[in-house]
C-alpha atoms as a PDB file:
ATOM      1  CA  MET A   1     -90.513 120.910-111.600  1.00  0.00           C
ATOM      2  CA  ASP A   2     -91.728 123.661-109.272  1.00  0.00           C
ATOM      3  CA  ASN A   3     -88.847 126.059-108.648  1.00  0.00           C
ATOM      4  CA  GLN A   4     -90.533 127.289-105.464  1.00  0.00           C
ATOM      5  CA  GLN A   5     -90.192 123.916-103.727  1.00  0.00           C
ATOM      6  CA  ASN A   6     -87.440 123.579-101.122  1.00  0.00           C
ATOM      7  CA  GLU A   7     -85.686 120.923-103.189  1.00  0.00           C
ATOM      8  CA  ALA A   8     -85.406 123.295-106.145  1.00  0.00           C
ATOM      9  CA  ALA A   9     -82.694 125.324-104.405  1.00  0.00           C
ATOM     10  CA  GLU A  10     -80.723 122.133-103.793  1.00  0.00           C
ATOM     11  CA  ARG A  11     -81.054 121.149-107.440  1.00  0.00           C
ATOM     12  CA  PHE A  12     -79.850 124.581-108.616  1.00  0.00           C
ATOM     13  CA  ASP A  13     -76.851 124.284-106.290  1.00  0.00           C
ATOM     14  CA  THR A  14     -75.966 120.884-107.735  1.00  0.00           C
ATOM     15  CA  PHE A  15     -76.298 122.174-111.292  1.00  0.00           C
ATOM     16  CA  THR A  16     -73.837 124.912-110.373  1.00  0.00           C
ATOM     17  CA  ALA A  17     -71.362 122.416-108.925  1.00  0.00           C
ATOM     18  CA  LEU A  18     -71.744 119.942-111.788  1.00  0.00           C
ATOM     19  CA  PHE A  19     -71.955 122.133-114.852  1.00  0.00           C
ATOM     20  CA  ASP A  20     -70.500 125.614-114.207  1.00  0.00           C
ATOM     21  CA  PRO A  21     -66.882 124.556-114.948  1.00  0.00           C
ATOM     22  CA  THR A  22     -67.926 123.160-118.339  1.00  0.00           C
ATOM     23  CA  THR A  23     -70.096 126.185-119.132  1.00  0.00           C
ATOM     24  CA  PHE A  24     -67.368 128.654-118.165  1.00  0.00           C
ATOM     25  CA  ARG A  25     -64.832 126.759-120.291  1.00  0.00           C
ATOM     26  CA  HIS A  26     -67.064 127.118-123.329  1.00  0.00           C
ATOM     27  CA  LEU A  27     -67.910 130.749-122.641  1.00  0.00           C
ATOM     28  CA  GLU A  28     -64.226 131.548-122.266  1.00  0.00           C
ATOM     29  CA  GLY A  29     -63.503 129.850-125.577  1.00  0.00           C
ATOM     30  CA  LEU A  30     -66.213 131.777-127.396  1.00  0.00           C
ATOM     31  CA  GLY A  31     -65.020 135.082-126.009  1.00  0.00           C
ATOM     32  CA  LEU A  32     -66.945 138.246-125.274  1.00  0.00           C
ATOM     33  CA  ALA A  33     -65.332 141.602-125.997  1.00  0.00           C
ATOM     34  CA  PRO A  34     -65.790 144.447-123.511  1.00  0.00           C
ATOM     35  CA  GLY A  35     -68.771 146.573-124.410  1.00  0.00           C
ATOM     36  CA  ARG A  36     -70.739 143.719-125.991  1.00  0.00           C
ATOM     37  CA  ARG A  37     -74.207 142.637-124.923  1.00  0.00           C
ATOM     38  CA  CYS A  38     -75.075 139.113-123.826  1.00  0.00           C
ATOM     39  CA  TRP A  39     -78.345 137.333-123.074  1.00  0.00           C
ATOM     40  CA  GLU A  40     -78.555 134.546-120.487  1.00  0.00           C
ATOM     41  CA  VAL A  41     -81.773 132.633-121.232  1.00  0.00           C
ATOM     42  CA  GLY A  42     -83.541 130.826-118.386  1.00  0.00           C
ATOM     43  CA  ALA A  43     -80.857 132.008-116.016  1.00  0.00           C
ATOM     44  CA  GLY A  44     -82.336 130.418-112.889  1.00  0.00           C
ATOM     45  CA  GLY A  45     -79.674 131.637-110.474  1.00  0.00           C
ATOM     46  CA  THR A  46     -76.789 134.102-110.555  1.00  0.00           C
ATOM     47  CA  SER A  47     -73.723 131.939-111.133  1.00  0.00           C
ATOM     48  CA  VAL A  48     -73.658 131.826-114.936  1.00  0.00           C
ATOM     49  CA  VAL A  49     -74.797 135.363-115.737  1.00  0.00           C
ATOM     50  CA  SER A  50     -72.027 136.736-113.515  1.00  0.00           C
ATOM     51  CA  TRP A  51     -69.363 135.553-115.990  1.00  0.00           C
ATOM     52  CA  PRO A  52     -70.517 137.455-119.120  1.00  0.00           C
ATOM     53  CA  ALA A  53     -71.468 140.423-116.958  1.00  0.00           C
ATOM     54  CA  GLU A  54     -67.866 140.710-115.778  1.00  0.00           C
ATOM     55  CA  LYS A  55     -66.476 140.264-119.299  1.00  0.00           C
ATOM     56  CA  ALA A  56     -68.810 142.924-120.725  1.00  0.00           C
ATOM     57  CA  ARG A  57     -67.581 145.668-118.397  1.00  0.00           C
ATOM     58  CA  PRO A  58     -67.346 148.604-118.466  1.00  0.00           C
ATOM     59  CA  ASP A  59     -69.805 149.475-121.230  1.00  0.00           C
ATOM     60  CA  GLY A  60     -71.536 146.180-122.029  1.00  0.00           C
ATOM     61  CA  GLN A  61     -74.701 144.615-120.718  1.00  0.00           C
ATOM     62  CA  ALA A  62     -75.839 141.190-119.552  1.00  0.00           C
ATOM     63  CA  VAL A  63     -79.567 140.505-119.780  1.00  0.00           C
ATOM     64  CA  ALA A  64     -80.775 137.594-117.601  1.00  0.00           C
ATOM     65  CA  THR A  65     -84.275 136.280-118.268  1.00  0.00           C
ATOM     66  CA  ASP A  66     -86.468 133.595-116.763  1.00  0.00           C
ATOM     67  CA  LEU A  67     -90.100 132.824-116.030  1.00  0.00           C
ATOM     68  CA  ASP A  68     -89.203 133.040-112.336  1.00  0.00           C
ATOM     69  CA  THR A  69     -86.546 135.640-111.482  1.00  0.00           C
ATOM     70  CA  SER A  70     -86.720 135.286-107.701  1.00  0.00           C
ATOM     71  CA  ARG A  71     -83.270 133.665-107.577  1.00  0.00           C
ATOM     72  CA  LEU A  72     -81.740 136.481-109.625  1.00  0.00           C
ATOM     73  CA  THR A  73     -82.329 139.281-107.142  1.00  0.00           C
ATOM     74  CA  ALA A  74     -78.696 139.392-106.035  1.00  0.00           C
ATOM     75  CA  ALA A  75     -77.540 139.989-109.624  1.00  0.00           C
ATOM     76  CA  THR A  76     -79.896 142.906-110.328  1.00  0.00           C
ATOM     77  CA  ARG A  77     -77.391 145.705-110.679  1.00  0.00           C
ATOM     78  CA  PRO A  78     -75.423 147.132-113.624  1.00  0.00           C
ATOM     79  CA  PRO A  79     -74.304 145.722-115.965  1.00  0.00           C
ATOM     80  CA  VAL A  80     -76.915 142.989-115.316  1.00  0.00           C
ATOM     81  CA  GLU A  81     -80.542 143.583-116.263  1.00  0.00           C
ATOM     82  CA  VAL A  82     -83.091 140.997-115.062  1.00  0.00           C
ATOM     83  CA  ARG A  83     -86.395 140.455-116.849  1.00  0.00           C
ATOM     84  CA  VAL A  84     -89.333 138.078-116.505  1.00  0.00           C
ATOM     85  CA  HIS A  85     -89.558 136.519-119.949  1.00  0.00           C
ATOM     86  CA  ASP A  86     -90.944 133.446-121.740  1.00  0.00           C
ATOM     87  CA  VAL A  87     -88.426 132.548-124.438  1.00  0.00           C
ATOM     88  CA  GLY A  88     -90.874 130.255-126.208  1.00  0.00           C
ATOM     89  CA  ARG A  89     -93.646 132.833-126.573  1.00  0.00           C
ATOM     90  CA  GLU A  90     -92.240 136.343-126.356  1.00  0.00           C
ATOM     91  CA  GLU A  91     -89.984 138.409-128.572  1.00  0.00           C
ATOM     92  CA  PRO A  92     -86.305 138.633-127.535  1.00  0.00           C
ATOM     93  CA  PRO A  93     -85.459 141.221-124.868  1.00  0.00           C
ATOM     94  CA  GLY A  94     -83.452 143.236-127.369  1.00  0.00           C
ATOM     95  CA  GLU A  95     -81.130 142.626-130.308  1.00  0.00           C
ATOM     96  CA  ASP A  96     -77.481 142.969-131.321  1.00  0.00           C
ATOM     97  CA  PHE A  97     -76.302 140.496-128.679  1.00  0.00           C
ATOM     98  CA  GLY A  98     -72.736 139.279-129.067  1.00  0.00           C
ATOM     99  CA  LEU A  99     -73.460 136.120-127.058  1.00  0.00           C
ATOM    100  CA  VAL A 100     -76.623 134.210-126.230  1.00  0.00           C
ATOM    101  CA  HIS A 101     -76.519 131.243-123.856  1.00  0.00           C
ATOM    102  CA  ALA A 102     -79.083 128.801-122.473  1.00  0.00           C
ATOM    103  CA  ARG A 103     -78.373 125.820-120.207  1.00  0.00           C
ATOM    104  CA  LEU A 104     -80.871 123.066-119.396  1.00  0.00           C
ATOM    105  CA  VAL A 105     -83.702 125.226-120.729  1.00  0.00           C
ATOM    106  CA  LEU A 106     -84.931 124.256-124.180  1.00  0.00           C
ATOM    107  CA  VAL A 107     -85.490 120.588-123.363  1.00  0.00           C
ATOM    108  CA  HIS A 108     -88.360 121.790-121.149  1.00  0.00           C
ATOM    109  CA  VAL A 109     -89.795 124.474-123.478  1.00  0.00           C
ATOM    110  CA  PRO A 110     -92.795 123.270-125.526  1.00  0.00           C
ATOM    111  CA  GLU A 111     -92.169 125.955-128.177  1.00  0.00           C
ATOM    112  CA  ARG A 112     -88.480 125.097-128.372  1.00  0.00           C
ATOM    113  CA  GLU A 113     -88.158 125.639-132.150  1.00  0.00           C
ATOM    114  CA  ARG A 114     -89.540 129.151-131.836  1.00  0.00           C
ATOM    115  CA  ALA A 115     -87.308 129.776-128.812  1.00  0.00           C
ATOM    116  CA  LEU A 116     -84.195 128.711-130.717  1.00  0.00           C
ATOM    117  CA  ARG A 117     -85.035 130.983-133.656  1.00  0.00           C
ATOM    118  CA  SER A 118     -85.721 133.842-131.249  1.00  0.00           C
ATOM    119  CA  MET A 119     -82.227 133.475-129.805  1.00  0.00           C
ATOM    120  CA  ILE A 120     -80.699 133.407-133.292  1.00  0.00           C
ATOM    121  CA  ASN A 121     -82.626 136.551-134.281  1.00  0.00           C
ATOM    122  CA  ALA A 122     -81.310 138.358-131.213  1.00  0.00           C
ATOM    123  CA  LEU A 123     -77.672 137.843-132.222  1.00  0.00           C
ATOM    124  CA  ARG A 124     -75.612 140.460-133.998  1.00  0.00           C
ATOM    125  CA  SER A 125     -73.658 139.500-137.102  1.00  0.00           C
ATOM    126  CA  GLY A 126     -70.708 137.451-135.873  1.00  0.00           C
ATOM    127  CA  GLY A 127     -72.420 136.762-132.549  1.00  0.00           C
ATOM    128  CA  ARG A 128     -72.173 133.351-130.886  1.00  0.00           C
ATOM    129  CA  LEU A 129     -74.883 131.040-129.584  1.00  0.00           C
ATOM    130  CA  LEU A 130     -74.139 128.411-126.926  1.00  0.00           C
ATOM    131  CA  ILE A 131     -76.886 125.915-126.092  1.00  0.00           C
ATOM    132  CA  GLU A 132     -76.345 123.284-123.401  1.00  0.00           C
ATOM    133  CA  ASP A 133     -79.000 120.681-122.807  1.00  0.00           C
ATOM    134  CA  ALA A 134     -79.482 117.250-121.346  1.00  0.00           C
ATOM    135  CA  ALA A 135     -79.726 114.096-123.426  1.00  0.00           C
ATOM    136  CA  PRO A 136     -81.551 111.580-121.174  1.00  0.00           C
ATOM    137  CA  ALA A 137     -82.386 109.353-124.146  1.00  0.00           C
ATOM    138  CA  LEU A 138     -78.668 109.038-124.919  1.00  0.00           C
ATOM    139  CA  GLN A 139     -77.895 107.556-121.493  1.00  0.00           C
ATOM    140  CA  PRO A 140     -81.078 106.724-119.536  1.00  0.00           C
ATOM    141  CA  LEU A 141     -79.585 105.126-116.406  1.00  0.00           C
ATOM    142  CA  THR A 142     -78.821 106.640-113.039  1.00  0.00           C
ATOM    143  CA  CYS A 143     -76.573 103.649-112.209  1.00  0.00           C
ATOM    144  CA  PRO A 144     -74.634 102.659-115.347  1.00  0.00           C
ATOM    145  CA  ASP A 145     -73.230  99.653-113.468  1.00  0.00           C
ATOM    146  CA  GLU A 146     -76.464  97.828-112.620  1.00  0.00           C
ATOM    147  CA  TYR A 147     -75.082  94.958-110.560  1.00  0.00           C
ATOM    148  CA  GLY A 148     -77.451  94.676-107.591  1.00  0.00           C
ATOM    149  CA  PRO A 149     -80.964  95.374-106.272  1.00  0.00           C
ATOM    150  CA  GLU A 150     -80.065  98.917-105.168  1.00  0.00           C
ATOM    151  CA  GLN A 151     -78.936  99.841-108.671  1.00  0.00           C
ATOM    152  CA  ARG A 152     -81.935  98.168-110.306  1.00  0.00           C
ATOM    153  CA  LEU A 153     -84.311 100.128-108.062  1.00  0.00           C
ATOM    154  CA  ALA A 154     -82.466 103.382-108.827  1.00  0.00           C
ATOM    155  CA  ASN A 155     -82.753 102.766-112.563  1.00  0.00           C
ATOM    156  CA  ARG A 156     -86.442 101.889-112.306  1.00  0.00           C
ATOM    157  CA  LEU A 157     -87.125 105.161-110.489  1.00  0.00           C
ATOM    158  CA  ARG A 158     -85.114 107.020-113.157  1.00  0.00           C
ATOM    159  CA  ARG A 159     -87.343 105.456-115.818  1.00  0.00           C
ATOM    160  CA  GLY A 160     -90.365 106.706-113.868  1.00  0.00           C
ATOM    161  CA  PHE A 161     -88.888 110.196-113.700  1.00  0.00           C
ATOM    162  CA  ARG A 162     -88.211 110.155-117.444  1.00  0.00           C
ATOM    163  CA  HIS A 163     -91.848 109.203-118.067  1.00  0.00           C
ATOM    164  CA  LEU A 164     -92.951 112.177-115.964  1.00  0.00           C
ATOM    165  CA  LEU A 165     -90.750 114.518-118.003  1.00  0.00           C
ATOM    166  CA  ALA A 166     -91.960 113.134-121.324  1.00  0.00           C
ATOM    167  CA  ASP A 167     -95.613 113.339-120.240  1.00  0.00           C
ATOM    168  CA  ARG A 168     -95.095 117.048-119.564  1.00  0.00           C
ATOM    169  CA  GLY A 169     -93.619 117.783-122.975  1.00  0.00           C
ATOM    170  CA  ALA A 170     -89.871 117.438-122.393  1.00  0.00           C
ATOM    171  CA  ASP A 171     -87.939 116.194-125.441  1.00  0.00           C
ATOM    172  CA  LEU A 172     -85.585 113.617-123.918  1.00  0.00           C
ATOM    173  CA  SER A 173     -83.551 113.365-127.117  1.00  0.00           C
ATOM    174  CA  TYR A 174     -83.169 117.127-127.590  1.00  0.00           C
ATOM    175  CA  GLY A 175     -79.581 117.459-126.435  1.00  0.00           C
ATOM    176  CA  ARG A 176     -78.204 115.048-129.010  1.00  0.00           C
ATOM    177  CA  LYS A 177     -80.013 116.938-131.809  1.00  0.00           C
ATOM    178  CA  LEU A 178     -78.329 120.252-131.070  1.00  0.00           C
ATOM    179  CA  PRO A 179     -75.475 120.215-133.629  1.00  0.00           C
ATOM    180  CA  ARG A 180     -77.902 119.461-136.460  1.00  0.00           C
ATOM    181  CA  LEU A 181     -80.442 122.002-135.239  1.00  0.00           C
ATOM    182  CA  LEU A 182     -77.853 124.780-135.060  1.00  0.00           C
ATOM    183  CA  ARG A 183     -76.751 124.050-138.617  1.00  0.00           C
ATOM    184  CA  GLU A 184     -80.362 123.977-139.826  1.00  0.00           C
ATOM    185  CA  VAL A 185     -81.060 127.451-138.431  1.00  0.00           C
ATOM    186  CA  GLY A 186     -78.084 128.802-140.345  1.00  0.00           C
ATOM    187  CA  LEU A 187     -75.248 128.991-137.825  1.00  0.00           C
ATOM    188  CA  HIS A 188     -71.683 128.505-139.019  1.00  0.00           C
ATOM    189  CA  ASP A 189     -68.663 126.787-137.456  1.00  0.00           C
ATOM    190  CA  VAL A 190     -70.967 124.546-135.395  1.00  0.00           C
ATOM    191  CA  GLN A 191     -69.210 122.356-132.831  1.00  0.00           C
ATOM    192  CA  ALA A 192     -70.351 120.297-129.840  1.00  0.00           C
ATOM    193  CA  ASP A 193     -69.115 118.148-127.005  1.00  0.00           C
ATOM    194  CA  VAL A 194     -70.594 116.339-124.020  1.00  0.00           C
ATOM    195  CA  TYR A 195     -70.024 116.330-120.270  1.00  0.00           C
ATOM    196  CA  PHE A 196     -71.014 113.124-118.498  1.00  0.00           C
ATOM    197  CA  PRO A 197     -70.219 113.076-114.767  1.00  0.00           C
ATOM    198  CA  VAL A 198     -70.119 109.676-113.077  1.00  0.00           C
ATOM    199  CA  ALA A 199     -69.840 109.173-109.314  1.00  0.00           C
ATOM    200  CA  SER A 200     -69.551 112.634-107.784  1.00  0.00           C
ATOM    201  CA  PRO A 201     -71.019 114.088-104.571  1.00  0.00           C
ATOM    202  CA  ALA A 202     -73.034 116.545-106.683  1.00  0.00           C
ATOM    203  CA  CYS A 203     -74.606 113.667-108.644  1.00  0.00           C
ATOM    204  CA  THR A 204     -75.628 112.058-105.356  1.00  0.00           C
ATOM    205  CA  ALA A 205     -77.092 115.302-104.013  1.00  0.00           C
ATOM    206  CA  LEU A 206     -78.974 115.915-107.268  1.00  0.00           C
ATOM    207  CA  GLU A 207     -80.512 112.431-107.210  1.00  0.00           C
ATOM    208  CA  ALA A 208     -81.760 112.832-103.630  1.00  0.00           C
ATOM    209  CA  ALA A 209     -83.212 116.302-104.242  1.00  0.00           C
ATOM    210  CA  THR A 210     -84.892 115.247-107.493  1.00  0.00           C
ATOM    211  CA  ILE A 211     -86.524 112.149-106.008  1.00  0.00           C
ATOM    212  CA  ARG A 212     -87.804 114.135-103.031  1.00  0.00           C
ATOM    213  CA  GLN A 213     -89.176 116.828-105.325  1.00  0.00           C
ATOM    214  CA  VAL A 214     -91.168 114.426-107.528  1.00  0.00           C
ATOM    215  CA  ARG A 215     -91.952 111.866-104.840  1.00  0.00           C
ATOM    216  CA  ASP A 216     -95.723 112.397-104.879  1.00  0.00           C
ATOM    217  CA  ARG A 217     -95.882 111.970-108.641  1.00  0.00           C
ATOM    218  CA  LEU A 218     -93.743 108.828-108.552  1.00  0.00           C
ATOM    219  CA  VAL A 219     -95.974 107.312-105.889  1.00  0.00           C
ATOM    220  CA  ALA A 220     -99.010 107.961-108.080  1.00  0.00           C
ATOM    221  CA  GLY A 221     -98.559 104.728-110.015  1.00  0.00           C
ATOM    222  CA  LEU A 222     -94.796 104.403-110.590  1.00  0.00           C
ATOM    223  CA  ALA A 223     -93.412 103.384-107.204  1.00  0.00           C
ATOM    224  CA  THR A 224     -94.371 102.835-103.579  1.00  0.00           C
ATOM    225  CA  ASP A 225     -93.467 104.970-100.596  1.00  0.00           C
ATOM    226  CA  ALA A 226     -91.428 102.070 -99.228  1.00  0.00           C
ATOM    227  CA  GLU A 227     -89.411 101.820-102.445  1.00  0.00           C
ATOM    228  CA  ILE A 228     -88.671 105.530-102.456  1.00  0.00           C
ATOM    229  CA  ASP A 229     -87.644 105.444 -98.783  1.00  0.00           C
ATOM    230  CA  ARG A 230     -85.352 102.523 -99.559  1.00  0.00           C
ATOM    231  CA  HIS A 231     -83.811 104.316-102.529  1.00  0.00           C
ATOM    232  CA  LEU A 232     -83.212 107.527-100.586  1.00  0.00           C
ATOM    233  CA  ALA A 233     -81.523 105.483 -97.840  1.00  0.00           C
ATOM    234  CA  ASN A 234     -79.336 103.796-100.470  1.00  0.00           C
ATOM    235  CA  VAL A 235     -78.385 107.189-101.886  1.00  0.00           C
ATOM    236  CA  GLU A 236     -77.613 108.525 -98.418  1.00  0.00           C
ATOM    237  CA  ALA A 237     -75.350 105.518 -97.738  1.00  0.00           C
ATOM    238  CA  GLY A 238     -73.075 106.673-100.541  1.00  0.00           C
ATOM    239  CA  THR A 239     -72.359 103.204-101.899  1.00  0.00           C
ATOM    240  CA  MET A 240     -73.806 103.654-105.399  1.00  0.00           C
ATOM    241  CA  ASP A 241     -72.127 105.250-108.408  1.00  0.00           C
ATOM    242  CA  LEU A 242     -74.784 107.719-109.539  1.00  0.00           C
ATOM    243  CA  THR A 243     -74.746 109.812-112.679  1.00  0.00           C
ATOM    244  CA  THR A 244     -76.848 112.415-114.450  1.00  0.00           C
ATOM    245  CA  ALA A 245     -78.005 112.594-118.036  1.00  0.00           C
ATOM    246  CA  PRO A 246     -75.154 113.741-120.313  1.00  0.00           C
ATOM    247  CA  MET A 247     -75.126 117.467-120.988  1.00  0.00           C
ATOM    248  CA  ILE A 248     -74.375 118.312-124.610  1.00  0.00           C
ATOM    249  CA  SER A 249     -72.913 121.733-125.358  1.00  0.00           C
ATOM    250  CA  ALA A 250     -73.287 123.005-128.924  1.00  0.00           C
ATOM    251  CA  TRP A 251     -72.218 126.354-130.280  1.00  0.00           C
ATOM    252  CA  GLY A 252     -72.053 128.263-133.547  1.00  0.00           C
ATOM    253  CA  ARG A 253     -71.654 131.683-135.167  1.00  0.00           C
ATOM    254  CA  LYS A 254     -74.179 133.881-136.943  1.00  0.00           C
ATOM    255  CA  GLU A 255     -73.051 135.312-140.267  1.00  0.00           C
END
């Protein structure tokens, strides 16, 4: 997914609308004392890093990293530090972090095991890690209620999109593995839950933006232009109950 495409901004906006309330609820529960340092991995935009930055004041720091930091420009002022960084290949941007968070990142990182260990290594003793990632293999449909031709077409295009993700190295079952993975890397007090939105305006907007963004790749053997036009018209009509892949949030504490 090219984050420089026009549809990318729409997708980031829908992620904010869909997932920020859940993320903020978890971050609030984990707590971040003033003066602590936090690392927002694969930040994308500014909405999530703004929360720990505010909690860390006046003496703390929030480090926001991503391969592409162009959408983080507005956040580049104390206590936020923005860095271009590849979490799967580079060393952490520091240590002694009280909180490390990544949302919808590791499922797309080929070196995801190394990335997870890097985040653990960056935590201080007693620090908390919160990983939130999609679980498309857990619920693969875009229309859970497949009762007509519009829903069947939507689900066929979702299968095509999932094939594209898998072909490019995404682990579509990664989200559901998170509680086990956090225990295996030595975290304590591991817990997890799942957010699964069904039938919301943000789900509809995300579906339209995603299909437009990958249209050329879907047409290359997975669908026809006419089918994609028909699906986008169905989405625009607002008569289908559309969903996203469940997002699993898992968190734990470093000894």
